[in-house]
Amino acid sequence: MKPLPPGPLTLAQIQEYVSKMELERGFADSTTVDQALKLAEETGEVCKAVRKSASLSMDPNSRVGELGAELADVLIYVASIANREDIDLGQALRDKELVNEQRTWH
């Protein structure tokens, strides 16, 4: 698989990369439900990594990855779910922010 280009990536580039990566690695047949459950698991791993970086107590037998790697896993699963549901994450973010701009944040 062609490596990601250096520098900042757009959401569209991330979604395209994840789509190709899943085909190459044999994950393309996973369902949206499968990917959503994996996303939830990865989110838990992000929380563990935050606990570790904040020096909070944790199970000494618990395996904890680095925060950046765990966040990358979350991003991959978010892109994967969006791809399965034909959602353009860039447009979804724009649309959601139009709604959020009308909210009161107090």
C-alpha atoms as a PDB file:
ATOM      1  CA  MET A   1       0.000   0.000   0.000  1.00  0.00           C
ATOM      2  CA  LYS A   2       1.210   3.464  -0.841  1.00  0.00           C
ATOM      3  CA  PRO A   3       2.201   5.335   2.370  1.00  0.00           C
ATOM      4  CA  LEU A   4       0.362   8.429   3.487  1.00  0.00           C
ATOM      5  CA  PRO A   5       1.866  11.666   2.179  1.00  0.00           C
ATOM      6  CA  PRO A   6       3.847  13.822   4.610  1.00  0.00           C
ATOM      7  CA  GLY A   7       2.206  16.850   6.185  1.00  0.00           C
ATOM      8  CA  PRO A   8      -1.361  17.556   7.226  1.00  0.00           C
ATOM      9  CA  LEU A   9      -4.131  15.349   5.856  1.00  0.00           C
ATOM     10  CA  THR A  10      -7.660  16.309   4.943  1.00  0.00           C
ATOM     11  CA  LEU A  11     -10.587  14.279   6.205  1.00  0.00           C
ATOM     12  CA  ALA A  12     -11.226  13.218   2.600  1.00  0.00           C
ATOM     13  CA  GLN A  13      -7.647  11.905   2.312  1.00  0.00           C
ATOM     14  CA  ILE A  14      -8.061   9.981   5.567  1.00  0.00           C
ATOM     15  CA  GLN A  15     -11.333   8.436   4.416  1.00  0.00           C
ATOM     16  CA  GLU A  16      -9.814   7.450   1.063  1.00  0.00           C
ATOM     17  CA  TYR A  17      -6.755   5.928   2.734  1.00  0.00           C
ATOM     18  CA  VAL A  18      -8.873   3.937   5.205  1.00  0.00           C
ATOM     19  CA  SER A  19     -11.033   2.631   2.371  1.00  0.00           C
ATOM     20  CA  LYS A  20      -7.989   1.357   0.457  1.00  0.00           C
ATOM     21  CA  MET A  21      -6.327   0.045   3.613  1.00  0.00           C
ATOM     22  CA  GLU A  22      -9.399  -1.976   4.563  1.00  0.00           C
ATOM     23  CA  LEU A  23      -9.561  -3.546   1.105  1.00  0.00           C
ATOM     24  CA  GLU A  24      -5.881  -4.457   1.200  1.00  0.00           C
ATOM     25  CA  ARG A  25      -5.977  -5.868   4.730  1.00  0.00           C
ATOM     26  CA  GLY A  26      -9.226  -7.803   4.331  1.00  0.00           C
ATOM     27  CA  PHE A  27     -11.456  -5.663   6.554  1.00  0.00           C
ATOM     28  CA  ALA A  28     -13.791  -4.338   3.853  1.00  0.00           C
ATOM     29  CA  ASP A  29     -16.488  -6.903   4.667  1.00  0.00           C
ATOM     30  CA  SER A  30     -16.834  -5.780   8.290  1.00  0.00           C
ATOM     31  CA  THR A  31     -20.237  -4.269   8.979  1.00  0.00           C
ATOM     32  CA  THR A  32     -20.992  -0.856  10.391  1.00  0.00           C
ATOM     33  CA  VAL A  33     -21.996  -2.589  13.639  1.00  0.00           C
ATOM     34  CA  ASP A  34     -18.647  -4.439  13.749  1.00  0.00           C
ATOM     35  CA  GLN A  35     -16.755  -1.207  13.235  1.00  0.00           C
ATOM     36  CA  ALA A  36     -18.849   0.712  15.782  1.00  0.00           C
ATOM     37  CA  LEU A  37     -18.146  -1.909  18.448  1.00  0.00           C
ATOM     38  CA  LYS A  38     -14.427  -1.763  17.641  1.00  0.00           C
ATOM     39  CA  LEU A  39     -14.608   2.037  17.855  1.00  0.00           C
ATOM     40  CA  ALA A  40     -16.056   1.749  21.356  1.00  0.00           C
ATOM     41  CA  GLU A  41     -13.228  -0.596  22.356  1.00  0.00           C
ATOM     42  CA  GLU A  42     -10.626   1.789  20.960  1.00  0.00           C
ATOM     43  CA  THR A  43     -12.248   4.703  22.783  1.00  0.00           C
ATOM     44  CA  GLY A  44     -11.730   2.777  26.010  1.00  0.00           C
ATOM     45  CA  GLU A  45      -8.069   2.364  25.085  1.00  0.00           C
ATOM     46  CA  VAL A  46      -7.820   6.148  24.596  1.00  0.00           C
ATOM     47  CA  CYS A  47      -9.193   6.576  28.125  1.00  0.00           C
ATOM     48  CA  LYS A  48      -6.603   4.148  29.483  1.00  0.00           C
ATOM     49  CA  ALA A  49      -3.827   6.066  27.725  1.00  0.00           C
ATOM     50  CA  VAL A  50      -5.118   9.341  29.202  1.00  0.00           C
ATOM     51  CA  ARG A  51      -5.181   7.743  32.672  1.00  0.00           C
ATOM     52  CA  LYS A  52      -1.587   6.650  32.157  1.00  0.00           C
ATOM     53  CA  SER A  53      -0.431  10.080  30.972  1.00  0.00           C
ATOM     54  CA  ALA A  54      -2.210  11.720  33.936  1.00  0.00           C
ATOM     55  CA  SER A  55      -0.514   9.267  36.324  1.00  0.00           C
ATOM     56  CA  LEU A  56      -3.869   8.006  37.603  1.00  0.00           C
ATOM     57  CA  SER A  57      -4.085   4.592  39.240  1.00  0.00           C
ATOM     58  CA  MET A  58      -4.741   1.688  36.939  1.00  0.00           C
ATOM     59  CA  ASP A  59      -4.569  -2.068  36.855  1.00  0.00           C
ATOM     60  CA  PRO A  60      -0.850  -2.888  36.744  1.00  0.00           C
ATOM     61  CA  ASN A  61      -1.593  -5.834  34.422  1.00  0.00           C
ATOM     62  CA  SER A  62      -3.461  -3.651  31.923  1.00  0.00           C
ATOM     63  CA  ARG A  63      -1.815  -3.142  28.545  1.00  0.00           C
ATOM     64  CA  VAL A  64      -1.799   0.531  27.619  1.00  0.00           C
ATOM     65  CA  GLY A  65      -0.778   1.974  24.267  1.00  0.00           C
ATOM     66  CA  GLU A  66       0.502   5.446  23.575  1.00  0.00           C
ATOM     67  CA  LEU A  67      -2.176   8.136  23.334  1.00  0.00           C
ATOM     68  CA  GLY A  68      -1.319   9.142  19.756  1.00  0.00           C
ATOM     69  CA  ALA A  69      -1.562   5.561  18.511  1.00  0.00           C
ATOM     70  CA  GLU A  70      -4.882   5.024  20.283  1.00  0.00           C
ATOM     71  CA  LEU A  71      -6.300   8.261  18.860  1.00  0.00           C
ATOM     72  CA  ALA A  72      -5.175   7.150  15.404  1.00  0.00           C
ATOM     73  CA  ASP A  73      -7.075   3.879  15.883  1.00  0.00           C
ATOM     74  CA  VAL A  74     -10.203   5.858  16.809  1.00  0.00           C
ATOM     75  CA  LEU A  75      -9.800   8.031  13.713  1.00  0.00           C
ATOM     76  CA  ILE A  76      -9.458   4.941  11.520  1.00  0.00           C
ATOM     77  CA  TYR A  77     -12.685   3.459  12.884  1.00  0.00           C
ATOM     78  CA  VAL A  78     -14.563   6.769  12.568  1.00  0.00           C
ATOM     79  CA  ALA A  79     -13.475   7.001   8.910  1.00  0.00           C
ATOM     80  CA  SER A  80     -14.368   3.350   8.392  1.00  0.00           C
ATOM     81  CA  ILE A  81     -17.902   3.845   9.700  1.00  0.00           C
ATOM     82  CA  ALA A  82     -18.355   7.030   7.677  1.00  0.00           C
ATOM     83  CA  ASN A  83     -17.212   5.215   4.539  1.00  0.00           C
ATOM     84  CA  ARG A  84     -19.689   2.385   5.066  1.00  0.00           C
ATOM     85  CA  GLU A  85     -22.522   4.879   5.486  1.00  0.00           C
ATOM     86  CA  ASP A  86     -21.421   7.143   2.587  1.00  0.00           C
ATOM     87  CA  ILE A  87     -20.812  10.072   4.929  1.00  0.00           C
ATOM     88  CA  ASP A  88     -18.369  12.797   3.931  1.00  0.00           C
ATOM     89  CA  LEU A  89     -16.830  13.646   7.303  1.00  0.00           C
ATOM     90  CA  GLY A  90     -15.814  17.124   6.168  1.00  0.00           C
ATOM     91  CA  GLN A  91     -19.396  17.948   5.198  1.00  0.00           C
ATOM     92  CA  ALA A  92     -20.765  16.280   8.326  1.00  0.00           C
ATOM     93  CA  LEU A  93     -18.505  18.503  10.437  1.00  0.00           C
ATOM     94  CA  ARG A  94     -19.629  21.628   8.567  1.00  0.00           C
ATOM     95  CA  ASP A  95     -23.289  20.673   8.955  1.00  0.00           C
ATOM     96  CA  LYS A  96     -22.914  19.918  12.661  1.00  0.00           C
ATOM     97  CA  GLU A  97     -21.103  23.184  13.327  1.00  0.00           C
ATOM     98  CA  LEU A  98     -23.964  25.108  11.693  1.00  0.00           C
ATOM     99  CA  VAL A  99     -26.231  23.524  14.312  1.00  0.00           C
ATOM    100  CA  ASN A 100     -23.729  24.055  17.140  1.00  0.00           C
ATOM    101  CA  GLU A 101     -23.347  27.756  16.286  1.00  0.00           C
ATOM    102  CA  GLN A 102     -27.030  28.223  17.150  1.00  0.00           C
ATOM    103  CA  ARG A 103     -26.638  26.646  20.602  1.00  0.00           C
ATOM    104  CA  THR A 104     -25.966  28.441  23.856  1.00  0.00           C
ATOM    105  CA  TRP A 105     -22.805  27.133  25.522  1.00  0.00           C
ATOM    106  CA  HIS A 106     -23.164  28.011  29.203  1.00  0.00           C
END
